[in-house]
């Protein structure tokens, strides 16, 4: 498991005080592909859907401004889940 995954686990078990939030946010933002979109496991690597999802989820959990809420069960933004007509 990479550093982002370990950090997200700490956030989910309410151990945010164990990580340096500003450094993790910077790392996630530095791992973006600004030309084509997506987030990689570390800066200069190729992006993939796994790290893009967890990068965005991490930014949400780290309370980064402008990131919409994500439903962890469906791995989708909450505003999208709210539009799905469950029967």
PDB file of N, CA and C in Angstrom:
ATOM      1  N   UNK A   1       0.840  -1.167   0.000  1.00  0.00           N
ATOM      2  CA  UNK A   1       0.000   0.000   0.000  1.00  0.00           C
ATOM      3  C   UNK A   1       0.890   1.237   0.000  1.00  0.00           C
ATOM      4  N   UNK A   2       0.518   2.207  -0.851  1.00  0.00           N
ATOM      5  CA  UNK A   2       1.332   3.413  -0.938  1.00  0.00           C
ATOM      6  C   UNK A   2       0.977   4.403   0.172  1.00  0.00           C
ATOM      7  N   UNK A   3       1.706   5.490   0.219  1.00  0.00           N
ATOM      8  CA  UNK A   3       1.521   6.485   1.274  1.00  0.00           C
ATOM      9  C   UNK A   3       0.144   7.107   1.284  1.00  0.00           C
ATOM     10  N   UNK A   4      -0.437   7.333   0.098  1.00  0.00           N
ATOM     11  CA  UNK A   4      -1.774   7.914   0.028  1.00  0.00           C
ATOM     12  C   UNK A   4      -2.782   6.969   0.661  1.00  0.00           C
ATOM     13  N   UNK A   5      -2.700   5.687   0.327  1.00  0.00           N
ATOM     14  CA  UNK A   5      -3.620   4.703   0.905  1.00  0.00           C
ATOM     15  C   UNK A   5      -3.508   4.633   2.413  1.00  0.00           C
ATOM     16  N   UNK A   6      -2.299   4.626   2.914  1.00  0.00           N
ATOM     17  CA  UNK A   6      -2.092   4.584   4.366  1.00  0.00           C
ATOM     18  C   UNK A   6      -2.648   5.833   5.035  1.00  0.00           C
ATOM     19  N   UNK A   7      -2.450   6.968   4.407  1.00  0.00           N
ATOM     20  CA  UNK A   7      -2.960   8.218   4.973  1.00  0.00           C
ATOM     21  C   UNK A   7      -4.480   8.227   4.993  1.00  0.00           C
ATOM     22  N   UNK A   8      -5.118   7.718   3.931  1.00  0.00           N
ATOM     23  CA  UNK A   8      -6.576   7.681   3.897  1.00  0.00           C
ATOM     24  C   UNK A   8      -7.130   6.764   4.976  1.00  0.00           C
ATOM     25  N   UNK A   9      -6.446   5.667   5.246  1.00  0.00           N
ATOM     26  CA  UNK A   9      -6.883   4.783   6.325  1.00  0.00           C
ATOM     27  C   UNK A   9      -6.829   5.512   7.655  1.00  0.00           C
ATOM     28  N   UNK A  10      -5.769   6.266   7.886  1.00  0.00           N
ATOM     29  CA  UNK A  10      -5.658   7.033   9.140  1.00  0.00           C
ATOM     30  C   UNK A  10      -6.800   8.035   9.264  1.00  0.00           C
ATOM     31  N   UNK A  11      -7.183   8.642   8.142  1.00  0.00           N
ATOM     32  CA  UNK A  11      -8.295   9.598   8.173  1.00  0.00           C
ATOM     33  C   UNK A  11      -9.588   8.862   8.509  1.00  0.00           C
ATOM     34  N   UNK A  12      -9.823   7.715   7.876  1.00  0.00           N
ATOM     35  CA  UNK A  12     -11.075   6.982   8.078  1.00  0.00           C
ATOM     36  C   UNK A  12     -11.214   6.444   9.493  1.00  0.00           C
ATOM     37  N   UNK A  13     -10.111   6.184  10.182  1.00  0.00           N
ATOM     38  CA  UNK A  13     -10.208   5.695  11.563  1.00  0.00           C
ATOM     39  C   UNK A  13      -9.986   6.831  12.566  1.00  0.00           C
ATOM     40  N   UNK A  14     -10.212   8.047  12.084  1.00  0.00           N
ATOM     41  CA  UNK A  14     -10.158   9.247  12.929  1.00  0.00           C
ATOM     42  C   UNK A  14      -8.794   9.454  13.582  1.00  0.00           C
ATOM     43  N   UNK A  15      -7.752   9.312  12.793  1.00  0.00           N
ATOM     44  CA  UNK A  15      -6.390   9.552  13.268  1.00  0.00           C
ATOM     45  C   UNK A  15      -5.715  10.633  12.425  1.00  0.00           C
ATOM     46  N   UNK A  16      -6.507  11.642  12.042  1.00  0.00           N
ATOM     47  CA  UNK A  16      -5.993  12.725  11.203  1.00  0.00           C
ATOM     48  C   UNK A  16      -4.808  13.413  11.859  1.00  0.00           C
ATOM     49  N   UNK A  17      -4.791  13.442  13.181  1.00  0.00           N
ATOM     50  CA  UNK A  17      -3.693  14.102  13.890  1.00  0.00           C
ATOM     51  C   UNK A  17      -2.352  13.412  13.642  1.00  0.00           C
ATOM     52  N   UNK A  18      -2.381  12.202  13.088  1.00  0.00           N
ATOM     53  CA  UNK A  18      -1.141  11.459  12.823  1.00  0.00           C
ATOM     54  C   UNK A  18      -0.493  11.807  11.485  1.00  0.00           C
ATOM     55  N   UNK A  19      -1.166  12.600  10.676  1.00  0.00           N
ATOM     56  CA  UNK A  19      -0.605  12.958   9.365  1.00  0.00           C
ATOM     57  C   UNK A  19      -0.473  14.467   9.255  1.00  0.00           C
ATOM     58  N   UNK A  20       0.378  14.887   8.363  1.00  0.00           N
ATOM     59  CA  UNK A  20       0.530  16.312   8.084  1.00  0.00           C
ATOM     60  C   UNK A  20      -0.356  16.641   6.892  1.00  0.00           C
ATOM     61  N   UNK A  21      -1.552  17.175   7.197  1.00  0.00           N
ATOM     62  CA  UNK A  21      -2.564  17.395   6.170  1.00  0.00           C
ATOM     63  C   UNK A  21      -2.056  18.253   5.017  1.00  0.00           C
ATOM     64  N   UNK A  22      -1.364  19.320   5.312  1.00  0.00           N
ATOM     65  CA  UNK A  22      -0.898  20.228   4.252  1.00  0.00           C
ATOM     66  C   UNK A  22       0.061  19.512   3.298  1.00  0.00           C
ATOM     67  N   UNK A  23       0.924  18.666   3.848  1.00  0.00           N
ATOM     68  CA  UNK A  23       1.871  17.927   2.995  1.00  0.00           C
ATOM     69  C   UNK A  23       1.149  16.895   2.128  1.00  0.00           C
ATOM     70  N   UNK A  24       0.134  16.234   2.689  1.00  0.00           N
ATOM     71  CA  UNK A  24      -0.604  15.248   1.910  1.00  0.00           C
ATOM     72  C   UNK A  24      -1.395  15.927   0.796  1.00  0.00           C
ATOM     73  N   UNK A  25      -2.031  17.047   1.097  1.00  0.00           N
ATOM     74  CA  UNK A  25      -2.747  17.797   0.057  1.00  0.00           C
ATOM     75  C   UNK A  25      -1.779  18.203  -1.042  1.00  0.00           C
ATOM     76  N   UNK A  26      -0.630  18.728  -0.677  1.00  0.00           N
ATOM     77  CA  UNK A  26       0.371  19.134  -1.677  1.00  0.00           C
ATOM     78  C   UNK A  26       0.803  17.940  -2.518  1.00  0.00           C
ATOM     79  N   UNK A  27       1.021  16.795  -1.889  1.00  0.00           N
ATOM     80  CA  UNK A  27       1.434  15.593  -2.612  1.00  0.00           C
ATOM     81  C   UNK A  27       0.368  15.173  -3.628  1.00  0.00           C
ATOM     82  N   UNK A  28      -0.896  15.167  -3.196  1.00  0.00           N
ATOM     83  CA  UNK A  28      -1.976  14.784  -4.108  1.00  0.00           C
ATOM     84  C   UNK A  28      -2.045  15.761  -5.277  1.00  0.00           C
ATOM     85  N   UNK A  29      -1.999  17.048  -4.982  1.00  0.00           N
ATOM     86  CA  UNK A  29      -2.077  18.052  -6.050  1.00  0.00           C
ATOM     87  C   UNK A  29      -0.870  17.977  -6.975  1.00  0.00           C
ATOM     88  N   UNK A  30       0.301  17.675  -6.444  1.00  0.00           N
ATOM     89  CA  UNK A  30       1.502  17.527  -7.278  1.00  0.00           C
ATOM     90  C   UNK A  30       1.438  16.278  -8.163  1.00  0.00           C
ATOM     91  N   UNK A  31       0.565  15.331  -7.805  1.00  0.00           N
ATOM     92  CA  UNK A  31       0.442  14.088  -8.562  1.00  0.00           C
ATOM     93  C   UNK A  31      -0.610  14.172  -9.670  1.00  0.00           C
ATOM     94  N   UNK A  32      -1.188  15.348  -9.860  1.00  0.00           N
ATOM     95  CA  UNK A  32      -2.180  15.554 -10.914  1.00  0.00           C
ATOM     96  C   UNK A  32      -1.520  15.625 -12.282  1.00  0.00           C
ATOM     97  N   UNK A  33      -2.228  15.166 -13.285  1.00  0.00           N
ATOM     98  CA  UNK A  33      -1.844  15.412 -14.666  1.00  0.00           C
ATOM     99  C   UNK A  33      -2.657  16.622 -15.119  1.00  0.00           C
ATOM    100  N   UNK A  34      -2.028  17.771 -15.138  1.00  0.00           N
ATOM    101  CA  UNK A  34      -2.731  19.019 -15.431  1.00  0.00           C
ATOM    102  C   UNK A  34      -3.172  19.119 -16.895  1.00  0.00           C
ATOM    103  N   UNK A  35      -2.562  18.346 -17.790  1.00  0.00           N
ATOM    104  CA  UNK A  35      -2.924  18.410 -19.206  1.00  0.00           C
ATOM    105  C   UNK A  35      -4.085  17.480 -19.551  1.00  0.00           C
ATOM    106  N   UNK A  36      -4.045  16.260 -19.040  1.00  0.00           N
ATOM    107  CA  UNK A  36      -5.031  15.249 -19.436  1.00  0.00           C
ATOM    108  C   UNK A  36      -5.994  14.848 -18.327  1.00  0.00           C
ATOM    109  N   UNK A  37      -5.750  15.315 -17.111  1.00  0.00           N
ATOM    110  CA  UNK A  37      -6.611  14.959 -15.990  1.00  0.00           C
ATOM    111  C   UNK A  37      -6.136  13.697 -15.297  1.00  0.00           C
ATOM    112  N   UNK A  38      -6.624  13.482 -14.102  1.00  0.00           N
ATOM    113  CA  UNK A  38      -6.290  12.285 -13.343  1.00  0.00           C
ATOM    114  C   UNK A  38      -5.190  12.540 -12.327  1.00  0.00           C
ATOM    115  N   UNK A  39      -5.030  11.570 -11.448  1.00  0.00           N
ATOM    116  CA  UNK A  39      -4.036  11.632 -10.381  1.00  0.00           C
ATOM    117  C   UNK A  39      -3.257  10.318 -10.388  1.00  0.00           C
ATOM    118  N   UNK A  40      -1.954  10.407 -10.190  1.00  0.00           N
ATOM    119  CA  UNK A  40      -1.103   9.219 -10.160  1.00  0.00           C
ATOM    120  C   UNK A  40      -0.706   8.885  -8.730  1.00  0.00           C
ATOM    121  N   UNK A  41       0.017   7.779  -8.574  1.00  0.00           N
ATOM    122  CA  UNK A  41       0.448   7.377  -7.228  1.00  0.00           C
ATOM    123  C   UNK A  41       1.558   8.265  -6.694  1.00  0.00           C
ATOM    124  N   UNK A  42       2.261   8.953  -7.588  1.00  0.00           N
ATOM    125  CA  UNK A  42       3.290   9.920  -7.180  1.00  0.00           C
ATOM    126  C   UNK A  42       3.571  10.825  -8.368  1.00  0.00           C
ATOM    127  N   UNK A  43       4.077  12.015  -8.106  1.00  0.00           N
ATOM    128  CA  UNK A  43       4.367  12.935  -9.209  1.00  0.00           C
ATOM    129  C   UNK A  43       5.251  12.269 -10.274  1.00  0.00           C
ATOM    130  N   UNK A  44       5.003  12.603 -11.508  1.00  0.00           N
ATOM    131  CA  UNK A  44       5.756  12.123 -12.683  1.00  0.00           C
ATOM    132  C   UNK A  44       5.380  10.713 -13.125  1.00  0.00           C
ATOM    133  N   UNK A  45       4.501   9.990 -12.401  1.00  0.00           N
ATOM    134  CA  UNK A  45       4.040   8.679 -12.847  1.00  0.00           C
ATOM    135  C   UNK A  45       2.754   8.836 -13.646  1.00  0.00           C
ATOM    136  N   UNK A  46       2.360   7.786 -14.342  1.00  0.00           N
ATOM    137  CA  UNK A  46       1.140   7.810 -15.138  1.00  0.00           C
ATOM    138  C   UNK A  46      -0.091   7.770 -14.234  1.00  0.00           C
ATOM    139  N   UNK A  47      -1.123   8.505 -14.621  1.00  0.00           N
ATOM    140  CA  UNK A  47      -2.365   8.508 -13.842  1.00  0.00           C
ATOM    141  C   UNK A  47      -3.121   7.205 -14.058  1.00  0.00           C
ATOM    142  N   UNK A  48      -3.980   6.871 -13.108  1.00  0.00           N
ATOM    143  CA  UNK A  48      -4.868   5.716 -13.249  1.00  0.00           C
ATOM    144  C   UNK A  48      -6.137   6.005 -12.460  1.00  0.00           C
ATOM    145  N   UNK A  49      -7.179   5.250 -12.747  1.00  0.00           N
ATOM    146  CA  UNK A  49      -8.481   5.496 -12.123  1.00  0.00           C
ATOM    147  C   UNK A  49      -8.439   5.250 -10.617  1.00  0.00           C
ATOM    148  N   UNK A  50      -7.690   4.267 -10.180  1.00  0.00           N
ATOM    149  CA  UNK A  50      -7.591   3.943  -8.755  1.00  0.00           C
ATOM    150  C   UNK A  50      -7.068   5.144  -7.967  1.00  0.00           C
ATOM    151  N   UNK A  51      -5.915   5.669  -8.383  1.00  0.00           N
ATOM    152  CA  UNK A  51      -5.323   6.788  -7.650  1.00  0.00           C
ATOM    153  C   UNK A  51      -6.088   8.085  -7.864  1.00  0.00           C
ATOM    154  N   UNK A  52      -6.760   8.214  -9.010  1.00  0.00           N
ATOM    155  CA  UNK A  52      -7.601   9.397  -9.217  1.00  0.00           C
ATOM    156  C   UNK A  52      -8.742   9.396  -8.217  1.00  0.00           C
ATOM    157  N   UNK A  53      -9.431   8.254  -8.072  1.00  0.00           N
ATOM    158  CA  UNK A  53     -10.525   8.182  -7.106  1.00  0.00           C
ATOM    159  C   UNK A  53     -10.030   8.447  -5.687  1.00  0.00           C
ATOM    160  N   UNK A  54      -8.985   7.753  -5.286  1.00  0.00           N
ATOM    161  CA  UNK A  54      -8.499   7.913  -3.916  1.00  0.00           C
ATOM    162  C   UNK A  54      -7.879   9.284  -3.684  1.00  0.00           C
ATOM    163  N   UNK A  55      -7.309   9.882  -4.713  1.00  0.00           N
ATOM    164  CA  UNK A  55      -6.807  11.249  -4.583  1.00  0.00           C
ATOM    165  C   UNK A  55      -7.933  12.235  -4.324  1.00  0.00           C
ATOM    166  N   UNK A  56      -9.013  12.111  -5.105  1.00  0.00           N
ATOM    167  CA  UNK A  56     -10.168  12.995  -4.912  1.00  0.00           C
ATOM    168  C   UNK A  56     -10.822  12.721  -3.567  1.00  0.00           C
ATOM    169  N   UNK A  57     -10.975  11.440  -3.217  1.00  0.00           N
ATOM    170  CA  UNK A  57     -11.551  11.090  -1.916  1.00  0.00           C
ATOM    171  C   UNK A  57     -10.688  11.644  -0.784  1.00  0.00           C
ATOM    172  N   UNK A  58      -9.380  11.547  -0.955  1.00  0.00           N
ATOM    173  CA  UNK A  58      -8.470  12.093   0.054  1.00  0.00           C
ATOM    174  C   UNK A  58      -8.623  13.593   0.207  1.00  0.00           C
ATOM    175  N   UNK A  59      -8.757  14.293  -0.915  1.00  0.00           N
ATOM    176  CA  UNK A  59      -8.950  15.742  -0.835  1.00  0.00           C
ATOM    177  C   UNK A  59     -10.255  16.073  -0.120  1.00  0.00           C
ATOM    178  N   UNK A  60     -11.301  15.282  -0.366  1.00  0.00           N
ATOM    179  CA  UNK A  60     -12.561  15.492   0.349  1.00  0.00           C
ATOM    180  C   UNK A  60     -12.378  15.257   1.848  1.00  0.00           C
ATOM    181  N   UNK A  61     -11.761  14.138   2.204  1.00  0.00           N
ATOM    182  CA  UNK A  61     -11.580  13.818   3.624  1.00  0.00           C
ATOM    183  C   UNK A  61     -10.656  14.810   4.330  1.00  0.00           C
ATOM    184  N   UNK A  62      -9.755  15.407   3.564  1.00  0.00           N
ATOM    185  CA  UNK A  62      -8.858  16.420   4.123  1.00  0.00           C
ATOM    186  C   UNK A  62      -9.492  17.810   4.106  1.00  0.00           C
ATOM    187  N   UNK A  63     -10.768  17.862   3.694  1.00  0.00           N
ATOM    188  CA  UNK A  63     -11.553  19.104   3.684  1.00  0.00           C
ATOM    189  C   UNK A  63     -10.956  20.155   2.761  1.00  0.00           C
ATOM    190  N   UNK A  64     -10.442  19.698   1.607  1.00  0.00           N
ATOM    191  CA  UNK A  64      -9.889  20.633   0.625  1.00  0.00           C
ATOM    192  C   UNK A  64     -11.039  21.438   0.021  1.00  0.00           C
ATOM    193  N   UNK A  65     -10.906  22.762  -0.047  1.00  0.00           N
ATOM    194  CA  UNK A  65     -12.004  23.613  -0.536  1.00  0.00           C
ATOM    195  C   UNK A  65     -12.442  23.245  -1.951  1.00  0.00           C
ATOM    196  N   UNK A  66     -13.757  23.178  -2.145  1.00  0.00           N
ATOM    197  CA  UNK A  66     -14.320  22.960  -3.465  1.00  0.00           C
ATOM    198  C   UNK A  66     -14.532  21.513  -3.864  1.00  0.00           C
ATOM    199  N   UNK A  67     -14.075  20.557  -3.060  1.00  0.00           N
ATOM    200  CA  UNK A  67     -14.265  19.141  -3.394  1.00  0.00           C
ATOM    201  C   UNK A  67     -15.600  18.695  -2.813  1.00  0.00           C
ATOM    202  N   UNK A  68     -16.451  18.147  -3.675  1.00  0.00           N
ATOM    203  CA  UNK A  68     -17.787  17.732  -3.245  1.00  0.00           C
ATOM    204  C   UNK A  68     -17.714  16.437  -2.438  1.00  0.00           C
ATOM    205  N   UNK A  69     -18.732  16.237  -1.596  1.00  0.00           N
ATOM    206  CA  UNK A  69     -18.814  15.039  -0.754  1.00  0.00           C
ATOM    207  C   UNK A  69     -18.851  13.780  -1.592  1.00  0.00           C
ATOM    208  N   UNK A  70     -18.186  12.726  -1.103  1.00  0.00           N
ATOM    209  CA  UNK A  70     -18.138  11.446  -1.792  1.00  0.00           C
ATOM    210  C   UNK A  70     -18.760  10.379  -0.911  1.00  0.00           C
ATOM    211  N   UNK A  71     -19.645   9.567  -1.496  1.00  0.00           N
ATOM    212  CA  UNK A  71     -20.256   8.461  -0.784  1.00  0.00           C
ATOM    213  C   UNK A  71     -19.288   7.274  -0.830  1.00  0.00           C
ATOM    214  N   UNK A  72     -18.777   6.825   0.320  1.00  0.00           N
ATOM    215  CA  UNK A  72     -17.773   5.761   0.311  1.00  0.00           C
ATOM    216  C   UNK A  72     -18.313   4.405  -0.144  1.00  0.00           C
ATOM    217  N   UNK A  73     -19.594   4.158   0.017  1.00  0.00           N
ATOM    218  CA  UNK A  73     -20.163   2.870  -0.387  1.00  0.00           C
ATOM    219  C   UNK A  73     -20.241   2.743  -1.905  1.00  0.00           C
ATOM    220  N   UNK A  74     -20.547   3.843  -2.581  1.00  0.00           N
ATOM    221  CA  UNK A  74     -20.715   3.806  -4.033  1.00  0.00           C
ATOM    222  C   UNK A  74     -19.534   4.413  -4.790  1.00  0.00           C
ATOM    223  N   UNK A  75     -18.633   5.055  -4.091  1.00  0.00           N
ATOM    224  CA  UNK A  75     -17.476   5.707  -4.711  1.00  0.00           C
ATOM    225  C   UNK A  75     -17.913   6.722  -5.755  1.00  0.00           C
ATOM    226  N   UNK A  76     -18.981   7.436  -5.425  1.00  0.00           N
ATOM    227  CA  UNK A  76     -19.508   8.486  -6.301  1.00  0.00           C
ATOM    228  C   UNK A  76     -19.812   9.718  -5.468  1.00  0.00           C
ATOM    229  N   UNK A  77     -19.842  10.876  -6.113  1.00  0.00           N
ATOM    230  CA  UNK A  77     -20.232  12.075  -5.379  1.00  0.00           C
ATOM    231  C   UNK A  77     -21.650  11.927  -4.812  1.00  0.00           C
ATOM    232  N   UNK A  78     -21.870  12.449  -3.621  1.00  0.00           N
ATOM    233  CA  UNK A  78     -23.173  12.341  -2.961  1.00  0.00           C
ATOM    234  C   UNK A  78     -24.268  12.967  -3.812  1.00  0.00           C
ATOM    235  N   UNK A  79     -23.979  14.085  -4.477  1.00  0.00           N
ATOM    236  CA  UNK A  79     -25.026  14.719  -5.288  1.00  0.00           C
ATOM    237  C   UNK A  79     -25.452  13.832  -6.454  1.00  0.00           C
ATOM    238  N   UNK A  80     -24.591  12.943  -6.916  1.00  0.00           N
ATOM    239  CA  UNK A  80     -24.964  11.986  -7.963  1.00  0.00           C
ATOM    240  C   UNK A  80     -25.821  10.880  -7.362  1.00  0.00           C
ATOM    241  N   UNK A  81     -25.427  10.341  -6.219  1.00  0.00           N
ATOM    242  CA  UNK A  81     -26.194   9.292  -5.546  1.00  0.00           C
ATOM    243  C   UNK A  81     -27.605   9.778  -5.261  1.00  0.00           C
ATOM    244  N   UNK A  82     -27.753  11.017  -4.852  1.00  0.00           N
ATOM    245  CA  UNK A  82     -29.066  11.558  -4.522  1.00  0.00           C
ATOM    246  C   UNK A  82     -29.992  11.652  -5.731  1.00  0.00           C
ATOM    247  N   UNK A  83     -29.435  11.615  -6.930  1.00  0.00           N
ATOM    248  CA  UNK A  83     -30.261  11.682  -8.145  1.00  0.00           C
ATOM    249  C   UNK A  83     -30.654  10.305  -8.656  1.00  0.00           C
ATOM    250  N   UNK A  84     -30.078   9.246  -8.111  1.00  0.00           N
ATOM    251  CA  UNK A  84     -30.381   7.889  -8.578  1.00  0.00           C
ATOM    252  C   UNK A  84     -31.693   7.422  -7.951  1.00  0.00           C
ATOM    253  N   UNK A  85     -32.642   7.031  -8.786  1.00  0.00           N
ATOM    254  CA  UNK A  85     -33.943   6.580  -8.239  1.00  0.00           C
ATOM    255  C   UNK A  85     -33.870   5.126  -7.763  1.00  0.00           C
ATOM    256  N   UNK A  86     -33.488   4.925  -6.510  1.00  0.00           N
ATOM    257  CA  UNK A  86     -33.458   3.582  -5.952  1.00  0.00           C
ATOM    258  C   UNK A  86     -34.888   3.131  -5.697  1.00  0.00           C
ATOM    259  N   UNK A  87     -35.184   1.878  -5.997  1.00  0.00           N
ATOM    260  CA  UNK A  87     -36.557   1.403  -5.785  1.00  0.00           C
ATOM    261  C   UNK A  87     -36.659   0.498  -4.584  1.00  0.00           C
TER     262      UNK A  87
END
